[in-house]
Amino acid sequence: MLHYLQHVSRKVGKTRTMRGRMARKIDDRKLKEIFEKVEENPGKKAGFLARLLGLARSEVTRSLPALDEKGLLVYEDEEGRLFPFDRSESKNS
């Protein structure tokens, strides 16, 4: 059955996790909303942003790699706080 699901997921263009399970594709509009909230509230944790957006904390956390793939770079520090990545600072380094 798992082999069938993997085959079907490739056919319909869904993304897969490393364990072979199908993952939901994240809506671009939702990604943009998450990134905008990070910009408006730098240093806040995923749970805080999730409450502002009416989402589950896990949904915001799972969106971080997709934000990166879209070029919407977010930095997460060791305490779990999220910051927008400032491209101008990286060019000056």
PDB file of N, CA and C in Angstrom:
ATOM      1  N   MET A   1       0.823  -1.189   0.000  1.00  0.00           N
ATOM      2  CA  MET A   1       0.000   0.000   0.000  1.00  0.00           C
ATOM      3  C   MET A   1       0.868   1.254   0.000  1.00  0.00           C
ATOM      4  N   LEU A   2       1.954   1.272   0.807  1.00  0.00           N
ATOM      5  CA  LEU A   2       2.811   2.449   0.873  1.00  0.00           C
ATOM      6  C   LEU A   2       3.425   2.733  -0.492  1.00  0.00           C
ATOM      7  N   HIS A   3       3.848   1.698  -1.189  1.00  0.00           N
ATOM      8  CA  HIS A   3       4.418   1.883  -2.522  1.00  0.00           C
ATOM      9  C   HIS A   3       3.393   2.554  -3.440  1.00  0.00           C
ATOM     10  N   TYR A   4       2.140   2.138  -3.366  1.00  0.00           N
ATOM     11  CA  TYR A   4       1.084   2.733  -4.179  1.00  0.00           C
ATOM     12  C   TYR A   4       0.923   4.213  -3.836  1.00  0.00           C
ATOM     13  N   LEU A   5       0.913   4.556  -2.532  1.00  0.00           N
ATOM     14  CA  LEU A   5       0.756   5.949  -2.123  1.00  0.00           C
ATOM     15  C   LEU A   5       1.920   6.800  -2.605  1.00  0.00           C
ATOM     16  N   GLN A   6       3.134   6.262  -2.557  1.00  0.00           N
ATOM     17  CA  GLN A   6       4.288   7.002  -3.040  1.00  0.00           C
ATOM     18  C   GLN A   6       4.157   7.256  -4.531  1.00  0.00           C
ATOM     19  N   HIS A   7       3.707   6.249  -5.275  1.00  0.00           N
ATOM     20  CA  HIS A   7       3.532   6.385  -6.720  1.00  0.00           C
ATOM     21  C   HIS A   7       2.471   7.434  -7.029  1.00  0.00           C
ATOM     22  N   VAL A   8       1.354   7.368  -6.323  1.00  0.00           N
ATOM     23  CA  VAL A   8       0.270   8.319  -6.546  1.00  0.00           C
ATOM     24  C   VAL A   8       0.730   9.727  -6.183  1.00  0.00           C
ATOM     25  N   SER A   9       1.489   9.872  -5.101  1.00  0.00           N
ATOM     26  CA  SER A   9       1.921  11.203  -4.690  1.00  0.00           C
ATOM     27  C   SER A   9       2.812  11.832  -5.754  1.00  0.00           C
ATOM     28  N   ARG A  10       3.628  11.048  -6.435  1.00  0.00           N
ATOM     29  CA  ARG A  10       4.454  11.597  -7.502  1.00  0.00           C
ATOM     30  C   ARG A  10       3.597  12.028  -8.678  1.00  0.00           C
ATOM     31  N   LYS A  11       2.554  11.261  -8.960  1.00  0.00           N
ATOM     32  CA  LYS A  11       1.682  11.580 -10.091  1.00  0.00           C
ATOM     33  C   LYS A  11       0.920  12.883  -9.877  1.00  0.00           C
ATOM     34  N   VAL A  12       0.445  13.126  -8.675  1.00  0.00           N
ATOM     35  CA  VAL A  12      -0.359  14.316  -8.426  1.00  0.00           C
ATOM     36  C   VAL A  12       0.486  15.506  -7.985  1.00  0.00           C
ATOM     37  N   GLY A  13       1.786  15.320  -7.845  1.00  0.00           N
ATOM     38  CA  GLY A  13       2.680  16.424  -7.551  1.00  0.00           C
ATOM     39  C   GLY A  13       2.713  16.861  -6.099  1.00  0.00           C
ATOM     40  N   LYS A  14       2.284  16.024  -5.182  1.00  0.00           N
ATOM     41  CA  LYS A  14       2.356  16.375  -3.771  1.00  0.00           C
ATOM     42  C   LYS A  14       3.783  16.171  -3.289  1.00  0.00           C
ATOM     43  N   THR A  15       4.161  16.927  -2.280  1.00  0.00           N
ATOM     44  CA  THR A  15       5.496  16.758  -1.711  1.00  0.00           C
ATOM     45  C   THR A  15       5.479  15.569  -0.760  1.00  0.00           C
ATOM     46  N   ARG A  16       6.669  15.008  -0.514  1.00  0.00           N
ATOM     47  CA  ARG A  16       6.768  13.890   0.409  1.00  0.00           C
ATOM     48  C   ARG A  16       7.809  14.205   1.466  1.00  0.00           C
ATOM     49  N   THR A  17       7.606  13.656   2.651  1.00  0.00           N
ATOM     50  CA  THR A  17       8.596  13.813   3.696  1.00  0.00           C
ATOM     51  C   THR A  17       9.678  12.773   3.490  1.00  0.00           C
ATOM     52  N   MET A  18      10.736  12.835   4.283  1.00  0.00           N
ATOM     53  CA  MET A  18      11.843  11.894   4.114  1.00  0.00           C
ATOM     54  C   MET A  18      11.430  10.470   4.437  1.00  0.00           C
ATOM     55  N   ARG A  19      10.423  10.287   5.233  1.00  0.00           N
ATOM     56  CA  ARG A  19       9.985   8.934   5.582  1.00  0.00           C
ATOM     57  C   ARG A  19       9.041   8.350   4.546  1.00  0.00           C
ATOM     58  N   GLY A  20       8.779   9.060   3.481  1.00  0.00           N
ATOM     59  CA  GLY A  20       7.930   8.529   2.427  1.00  0.00           C
ATOM     60  C   GLY A  20       6.458   8.843   2.598  1.00  0.00           C
ATOM     61  N   ARG A  21       6.097   9.514   3.677  1.00  0.00           N
ATOM     62  CA  ARG A  21       4.695   9.876   3.863  1.00  0.00           C
ATOM     63  C   ARG A  21       4.392  11.112   3.037  1.00  0.00           C
ATOM     64  N   MET A  22       3.147  11.224   2.629  1.00  0.00           N
ATOM     65  CA  MET A  22       2.756  12.409   1.870  1.00  0.00           C
ATOM     66  C   MET A  22       2.584  13.588   2.812  1.00  0.00           C
ATOM     67  N   ALA A  23       3.058  14.736   2.377  1.00  0.00           N
ATOM     68  CA  ALA A  23       2.882  15.960   3.145  1.00  0.00           C
ATOM     69  C   ALA A  23       2.001  16.908   2.339  1.00  0.00           C
ATOM     70  N   ARG A  24       1.236  17.701   3.028  1.00  0.00           N
ATOM     71  CA  ARG A  24       0.391  18.665   2.329  1.00  0.00           C
ATOM     72  C   ARG A  24       1.236  19.785   1.763  1.00  0.00           C
ATOM     73  N   LYS A  25       0.888  20.201   0.578  1.00  0.00           N
ATOM     74  CA  LYS A  25       1.547  21.346  -0.015  1.00  0.00           C
ATOM     75  C   LYS A  25       0.981  22.601   0.650  1.00  0.00           C
ATOM     76  N   ILE A  26       1.862  23.524   1.000  1.00  0.00           N
ATOM     77  CA  ILE A  26       1.439  24.703   1.736  1.00  0.00           C
ATOM     78  C   ILE A  26       1.091  25.819   0.758  1.00  0.00           C
ATOM     79  N   ASP A  27      -0.038  26.429   0.981  1.00  0.00           N
ATOM     80  CA  ASP A  27      -0.552  27.500   0.135  1.00  0.00           C
ATOM     81  C   ASP A  27       0.397  28.698   0.165  1.00  0.00           C
ATOM     82  N   ASP A  28       0.745  29.242  -1.008  1.00  0.00           N
ATOM     83  CA  ASP A  28       1.651  30.384  -1.108  1.00  0.00           C
ATOM     84  C   ASP A  28       1.116  31.602  -0.355  1.00  0.00           C
ATOM     85  N   ARG A  29      -0.181  31.802  -0.384  1.00  0.00           N
ATOM     86  CA  ARG A  29      -0.794  32.930   0.322  1.00  0.00           C
ATOM     87  C   ARG A  29      -0.570  32.803   1.824  1.00  0.00           C
ATOM     88  N   LYS A  30      -0.709  31.583   2.333  1.00  0.00           N
ATOM     89  CA  LYS A  30      -0.514  31.342   3.760  1.00  0.00           C
ATOM     90  C   LYS A  30       0.959  31.563   4.133  1.00  0.00           C
ATOM     91  N   LEU A  31       1.870  31.146   3.268  1.00  0.00           N
ATOM     92  CA  LEU A  31       3.290  31.362   3.528  1.00  0.00           C
ATOM     93  C   LEU A  31       3.604  32.848   3.612  1.00  0.00           C
ATOM     94  N   LYS A  32       3.037  33.608   2.702  1.00  0.00           N
ATOM     95  CA  LYS A  32       3.261  35.058   2.698  1.00  0.00           C
ATOM     96  C   LYS A  32       2.704  35.691   3.972  1.00  0.00           C
ATOM     97  N   GLU A  33       1.544  35.231   4.423  1.00  0.00           N
ATOM     98  CA  GLU A  33       0.953  35.753   5.659  1.00  0.00           C
ATOM     99  C   GLU A  33       1.843  35.440   6.865  1.00  0.00           C
ATOM    100  N   ILE A  34       2.375  34.230   6.907  1.00  0.00           N
ATOM    101  CA  ILE A  34       3.264  33.848   8.007  1.00  0.00           C
ATOM    102  C   ILE A  34       4.507  34.730   7.997  1.00  0.00           C
ATOM    103  N   PHE A  35       5.106  34.910   6.826  1.00  0.00           N
ATOM    104  CA  PHE A  35       6.312  35.730   6.727  1.00  0.00           C
ATOM    105  C   PHE A  35       6.031  37.178   7.129  1.00  0.00           C
ATOM    106  N   GLU A  36       4.894  37.711   6.707  1.00  0.00           N
ATOM    107  CA  GLU A  36       4.537  39.086   7.084  1.00  0.00           C
ATOM    108  C   GLU A  36       4.398  39.227   8.595  1.00  0.00           C
ATOM    109  N   LYS A  37       3.839  38.210   9.250  1.00  0.00           N
ATOM    110  CA  LYS A  37       3.703  38.254  10.713  1.00  0.00           C
ATOM    111  C   LYS A  37       5.070  38.197  11.385  1.00  0.00           C
ATOM    112  N   VAL A  38       6.000  37.431  10.813  1.00  0.00           N
ATOM    113  CA  VAL A  38       7.364  37.396  11.359  1.00  0.00           C
ATOM    114  C   VAL A  38       8.000  38.778  11.230  1.00  0.00           C
ATOM    115  N   GLU A  39       7.795  39.427  10.085  1.00  0.00           N
ATOM    116  CA  GLU A  39       8.342  40.774   9.884  1.00  0.00           C
ATOM    117  C   GLU A  39       7.723  41.783  10.854  1.00  0.00           C
ATOM    118  N   GLU A  40       6.420  41.673  11.088  1.00  0.00           N
ATOM    119  CA  GLU A  40       5.719  42.601  11.977  1.00  0.00           C
ATOM    120  C   GLU A  40       6.029  42.342  13.450  1.00  0.00           C
ATOM    121  N   ASN A  41       6.414  41.100  13.766  1.00  0.00           N
ATOM    122  CA  ASN A  41       6.636  40.692  15.157  1.00  0.00           C
ATOM    123  C   ASN A  41       7.958  39.947  15.299  1.00  0.00           C
ATOM    124  N   PRO A  42       9.085  40.581  14.993  1.00  0.00           N
ATOM    125  CA  PRO A  42      10.364  39.873  15.076  1.00  0.00           C
ATOM    126  C   PRO A  42      10.665  39.435  16.503  1.00  0.00           C
ATOM    127  N   GLY A  43      11.207  38.235  16.636  1.00  0.00           N
ATOM    128  CA  GLY A  43      11.575  37.718  17.950  1.00  0.00           C
ATOM    129  C   GLY A  43      10.482  36.948  18.658  1.00  0.00           C
ATOM    130  N   LYS A  44       9.321  36.827  18.029  1.00  0.00           N
ATOM    131  CA  LYS A  44       8.225  36.066  18.641  1.00  0.00           C
ATOM    132  C   LYS A  44       8.335  34.602  18.226  1.00  0.00           C
ATOM    133  N   LYS A  45       7.778  33.728  19.035  1.00  0.00           N
ATOM    134  CA  LYS A  45       7.828  32.285  18.767  1.00  0.00           C
ATOM    135  C   LYS A  45       6.668  31.871  17.867  1.00  0.00           C
ATOM    136  N   ALA A  46       6.790  30.668  17.311  1.00  0.00           N
ATOM    137  CA  ALA A  46       5.801  30.146  16.370  1.00  0.00           C
ATOM    138  C   ALA A  46       4.398  30.117  16.970  1.00  0.00           C
ATOM    139  N   GLY A  47       4.277  29.780  18.242  1.00  0.00           N
ATOM    140  CA  GLY A  47       2.967  29.724  18.890  1.00  0.00           C
ATOM    141  C   GLY A  47       2.269  31.074  18.922  1.00  0.00           C
ATOM    142  N   PHE A  48       3.024  32.126  19.187  1.00  0.00           N
ATOM    143  CA  PHE A  48       2.467  33.481  19.206  1.00  0.00           C
ATOM    144  C   PHE A  48       1.962  33.856  17.815  1.00  0.00           C
ATOM    145  N   LEU A  49       2.805  33.616  16.804  1.00  0.00           N
ATOM    146  CA  LEU A  49       2.414  33.935  15.426  1.00  0.00           C
ATOM    147  C   LEU A  49       1.204  33.117  14.990  1.00  0.00           C
ATOM    148  N   ALA A  50       1.172  31.864  15.411  1.00  0.00           N
ATOM    149  CA  ALA A  50       0.048  30.991  15.065  1.00  0.00           C
ATOM    150  C   ALA A  50      -1.256  31.538  15.630  1.00  0.00           C
ATOM    151  N   ARG A  51      -1.229  32.016  16.870  1.00  0.00           N
ATOM    152  CA  ARG A  51      -2.441  32.595  17.468  1.00  0.00           C
ATOM    153  C   ARG A  51      -2.902  33.828  16.692  1.00  0.00           C
ATOM    154  N   LEU A  52      -1.952  34.656  16.259  1.00  0.00           N
ATOM    155  CA  LEU A  52      -2.322  35.834  15.470  1.00  0.00           C
ATOM    156  C   LEU A  52      -2.994  35.452  14.156  1.00  0.00           C
ATOM    157  N   LEU A  53      -2.524  34.348  13.565  1.00  0.00           N
ATOM    158  CA  LEU A  53      -3.018  33.919  12.257  1.00  0.00           C
ATOM    159  C   LEU A  53      -4.189  32.942  12.339  1.00  0.00           C
ATOM    160  N   GLY A  54      -4.495  32.470  13.536  1.00  0.00           N
ATOM    161  CA  GLY A  54      -5.562  31.482  13.686  1.00  0.00           C
ATOM    162  C   GLY A  54      -5.156  30.107  13.192  1.00  0.00           C
ATOM    163  N   LEU A  55      -3.863  29.776  13.348  1.00  0.00           N
ATOM    164  CA  LEU A  55      -3.334  28.487  12.899  1.00  0.00           C
ATOM    165  C   LEU A  55      -2.815  27.706  14.097  1.00  0.00           C
ATOM    166  N   ALA A  56      -2.536  26.442  13.867  1.00  0.00           N
ATOM    167  CA  ALA A  56      -1.866  25.628  14.880  1.00  0.00           C
ATOM    168  C   ALA A  56      -0.378  25.962  14.862  1.00  0.00           C
ATOM    169  N   ARG A  57       0.257  25.893  16.037  1.00  0.00           N
ATOM    170  CA  ARG A  57       1.692  26.161  16.117  1.00  0.00           C
ATOM    171  C   ARG A  57       2.475  25.251  15.183  1.00  0.00           C
ATOM    172  N   SER A  58       2.064  23.994  15.105  1.00  0.00           N
ATOM    173  CA  SER A  58       2.766  23.037  14.250  1.00  0.00           C
ATOM    174  C   SER A  58       2.694  23.429  12.779  1.00  0.00           C
ATOM    175  N   GLU A  59       1.617  24.075  12.386  1.00  0.00           N
ATOM    176  CA  GLU A  59       1.478  24.504  10.991  1.00  0.00           C
ATOM    177  C   GLU A  59       2.489  25.603  10.656  1.00  0.00           C
ATOM    178  N   VAL A  60       2.688  26.510  11.592  1.00  0.00           N
ATOM    179  CA  VAL A  60       3.689  27.561  11.384  1.00  0.00           C
ATOM    180  C   VAL A  60       5.082  26.931  11.350  1.00  0.00           C
ATOM    181  N   THR A  61       5.367  26.047  12.280  1.00  0.00           N
ATOM    182  CA  THR A  61       6.680  25.392  12.337  1.00  0.00           C
ATOM    183  C   THR A  61       6.950  24.591  11.072  1.00  0.00           C
ATOM    184  N   ARG A  62       5.950  23.852  10.605  1.00  0.00           N
ATOM    185  CA  ARG A  62       6.131  23.051   9.380  1.00  0.00           C
ATOM    186  C   ARG A  62       6.305  23.929   8.150  1.00  0.00           C
ATOM    187  N   SER A  63       5.877  25.168   8.215  1.00  0.00           N
ATOM    188  CA  SER A  63       5.976  26.076   7.079  1.00  0.00           C
ATOM    189  C   SER A  63       7.368  26.681   6.908  1.00  0.00           C
ATOM    190  N   LEU A  64       8.207  26.618   7.924  1.00  0.00           N
ATOM    191  CA  LEU A  64       9.518  27.271   7.862  1.00  0.00           C
ATOM    192  C   LEU A  64      10.371  26.795   6.689  1.00  0.00           C
ATOM    193  N   PRO A  65      10.493  25.490   6.426  1.00  0.00           N
ATOM    194  CA  PRO A  65      11.278  25.072   5.257  1.00  0.00           C
ATOM    195  C   PRO A  65      10.668  25.554   3.933  1.00  0.00           C
ATOM    196  N   ALA A  66       9.351  25.589   3.846  1.00  0.00           N
ATOM    197  CA  ALA A  66       8.689  26.056   2.623  1.00  0.00           C
ATOM    198  C   ALA A  66       8.933  27.552   2.414  1.00  0.00           C
ATOM    199  N   LEU A  67       8.991  28.317   3.502  1.00  0.00           N
ATOM    200  CA  LEU A  67       9.316  29.742   3.393  1.00  0.00           C
ATOM    201  C   LEU A  67      10.706  29.907   2.793  1.00  0.00           C
ATOM    202  N   ASP A  68      11.628  29.097   3.270  1.00  0.00           N
ATOM    203  CA  ASP A  68      13.008  29.131   2.766  1.00  0.00           C
ATOM    204  C   ASP A  68      13.049  28.819   1.273  1.00  0.00           C
ATOM    205  N   GLU A  69      12.295  27.809   0.857  1.00  0.00           N
ATOM    206  CA  GLU A  69      12.259  27.423  -0.564  1.00  0.00           C
ATOM    207  C   GLU A  69      11.700  28.541  -1.438  1.00  0.00           C
ATOM    208  N   LYS A  70      10.817  29.351  -0.891  1.00  0.00           N
ATOM    209  CA  LYS A  70      10.212  30.467  -1.633  1.00  0.00           C
ATOM    210  C   LYS A  70      11.070  31.729  -1.588  1.00  0.00           C
ATOM    211  N   GLY A  71      12.200  31.671  -0.871  1.00  0.00           N
ATOM    212  CA  GLY A  71      13.063  32.838  -0.761  1.00  0.00           C
ATOM    213  C   GLY A  71      12.652  33.801   0.340  1.00  0.00           C
ATOM    214  N   LEU A  72      11.685  33.395   1.163  1.00  0.00           N
ATOM    215  CA  LEU A  72      11.245  34.197   2.303  1.00  0.00           C
ATOM    216  C   LEU A  72      12.014  33.684   3.520  1.00  0.00           C
ATOM    217  N   LEU A  73      13.185  34.225   3.743  1.00  0.00           N
ATOM    218  CA  LEU A  73      14.105  33.668   4.719  1.00  0.00           C
ATOM    219  C   LEU A  73      13.794  34.125   6.132  1.00  0.00           C
ATOM    220  N   VAL A  74      13.701  33.132   7.019  1.00  0.00           N
ATOM    221  CA  VAL A  74      13.404  33.356   8.426  1.00  0.00           C
ATOM    222  C   VAL A  74      14.498  32.677   9.244  1.00  0.00           C
ATOM    223  N   TYR A  75      14.997  33.385  10.247  1.00  0.00           N
ATOM    224  CA  TYR A  75      16.017  32.853  11.144  1.00  0.00           C
ATOM    225  C   TYR A  75      15.356  32.460  12.451  1.00  0.00           C
ATOM    226  N   GLU A  76      15.641  31.251  12.936  1.00  0.00           N
ATOM    227  CA  GLU A  76      15.132  30.794  14.222  1.00  0.00           C
ATOM    228  C   GLU A  76      16.315  30.655  15.162  1.00  0.00           C
ATOM    229  N   ASP A  77      16.286  31.369  16.296  1.00  0.00           N
ATOM    230  CA  ASP A  77      17.399  31.280  17.234  1.00  0.00           C
ATOM    231  C   ASP A  77      17.267  30.047  18.117  1.00  0.00           C
ATOM    232  N   GLU A  78      18.221  29.859  19.021  1.00  0.00           N
ATOM    233  CA  GLU A  78      18.250  28.658  19.867  1.00  0.00           C
ATOM    234  C   GLU A  78      17.093  28.585  20.844  1.00  0.00           C
ATOM    235  N   GLU A  79      16.397  29.688  21.058  1.00  0.00           N
ATOM    236  CA  GLU A  79      15.232  29.694  21.945  1.00  0.00           C
ATOM    237  C   GLU A  79      13.914  29.574  21.182  1.00  0.00           C
ATOM    238  N   GLY A  80      13.990  29.411  19.859  1.00  0.00           N
ATOM    239  CA  GLY A  80      12.787  29.241  19.054  1.00  0.00           C
ATOM    240  C   GLY A  80      12.150  30.528  18.589  1.00  0.00           C
ATOM    241  N   ARG A  81      12.823  31.652  18.804  1.00  0.00           N
ATOM    242  CA  ARG A  81      12.284  32.936  18.350  1.00  0.00           C
ATOM    243  C   ARG A  81      12.579  33.103  16.861  1.00  0.00           C
ATOM    244  N   LEU A  82      11.634  33.696  16.147  1.00  0.00           N
ATOM    245  CA  LEU A  82      11.743  33.839  14.693  1.00  0.00           C
ATOM    246  C   LEU A  82      12.019  35.289  14.309  1.00  0.00           C
ATOM    247  N   PHE A  83      12.935  35.448  13.362  1.00  0.00           N
ATOM    248  CA  PHE A  83      13.308  36.770  12.859  1.00  0.00           C
ATOM    249  C   PHE A  83      13.371  36.720  11.342  1.00  0.00           C
ATOM    250  N   PRO A  84      12.944  37.792  10.667  1.00  0.00           N
ATOM    251  CA  PRO A  84      13.143  37.831   9.208  1.00  0.00           C
ATOM    252  C   PRO A  84      14.634  37.984   8.930  1.00  0.00           C
ATOM    253  N   PHE A  85      15.120  37.301   7.924  1.00  0.00           N
ATOM    254  CA  PHE A  85      16.526  37.385   7.557  1.00  0.00           C
ATOM    255  C   PHE A  85      16.743  38.660   6.769  1.00  0.00           C
ATOM    256  N   ASP A  86      17.674  39.472   7.204  1.00  0.00           N
ATOM    257  CA  ASP A  86      17.959  40.746   6.549  1.00  0.00           C
ATOM    258  C   ASP A  86      19.068  40.532   5.532  1.00  0.00           C
ATOM    259  N   ARG A  87      18.711  40.547   4.261  1.00  0.00           N
ATOM    260  CA  ARG A  87      19.681  40.310   3.193  1.00  0.00           C
ATOM    261  C   ARG A  87      20.749  41.395   3.148  1.00  0.00           C
ATOM    262  N   SER A  88      20.418  42.632   3.523  1.00  0.00           N
ATOM    263  CA  SER A  88      21.389  43.719   3.464  1.00  0.00           C
ATOM    264  C   SER A  88      22.534  43.485   4.456  1.00  0.00           C
ATOM    265  N   GLU A  89      22.245  42.888   5.615  1.00  0.00           N
ATOM    266  CA  GLU A  89      23.295  42.588   6.580  1.00  0.00           C
ATOM    267  C   GLU A  89      24.224  41.505   6.074  1.00  0.00           C
ATOM    268  N   SER A  90      23.692  40.514   5.351  1.00  0.00           N
ATOM    269  CA  SER A  90      24.526  39.415   4.857  1.00  0.00           C
ATOM    270  C   SER A  90      25.468  39.888   3.760  1.00  0.00           C
ATOM    271  N   LYS A  91      25.084  40.923   2.998  1.00  0.00           N
ATOM    272  CA  LYS A  91      25.938  41.438   1.938  1.00  0.00           C
ATOM    273  C   LYS A  91      27.106  42.233   2.498  1.00  0.00           C
ATOM    274  N   ASN A  92      26.899  42.849   3.660  1.00  0.00           N
ATOM    275  CA  ASN A  92      27.944  43.662   4.282  1.00  0.00           C
ATOM    276  C   ASN A  92      28.971  42.831   5.019  1.00  0.00           C
ATOM    277  N   SER A  93      28.679  41.565   5.272  1.00  0.00           N
ATOM    278  CA  SER A  93      29.590  40.707   6.042  1.00  0.00           C
ATOM    279  C   SER A  93      30.752  40.237   5.235  1.00  0.00           C
TER     280      SER A  93
END
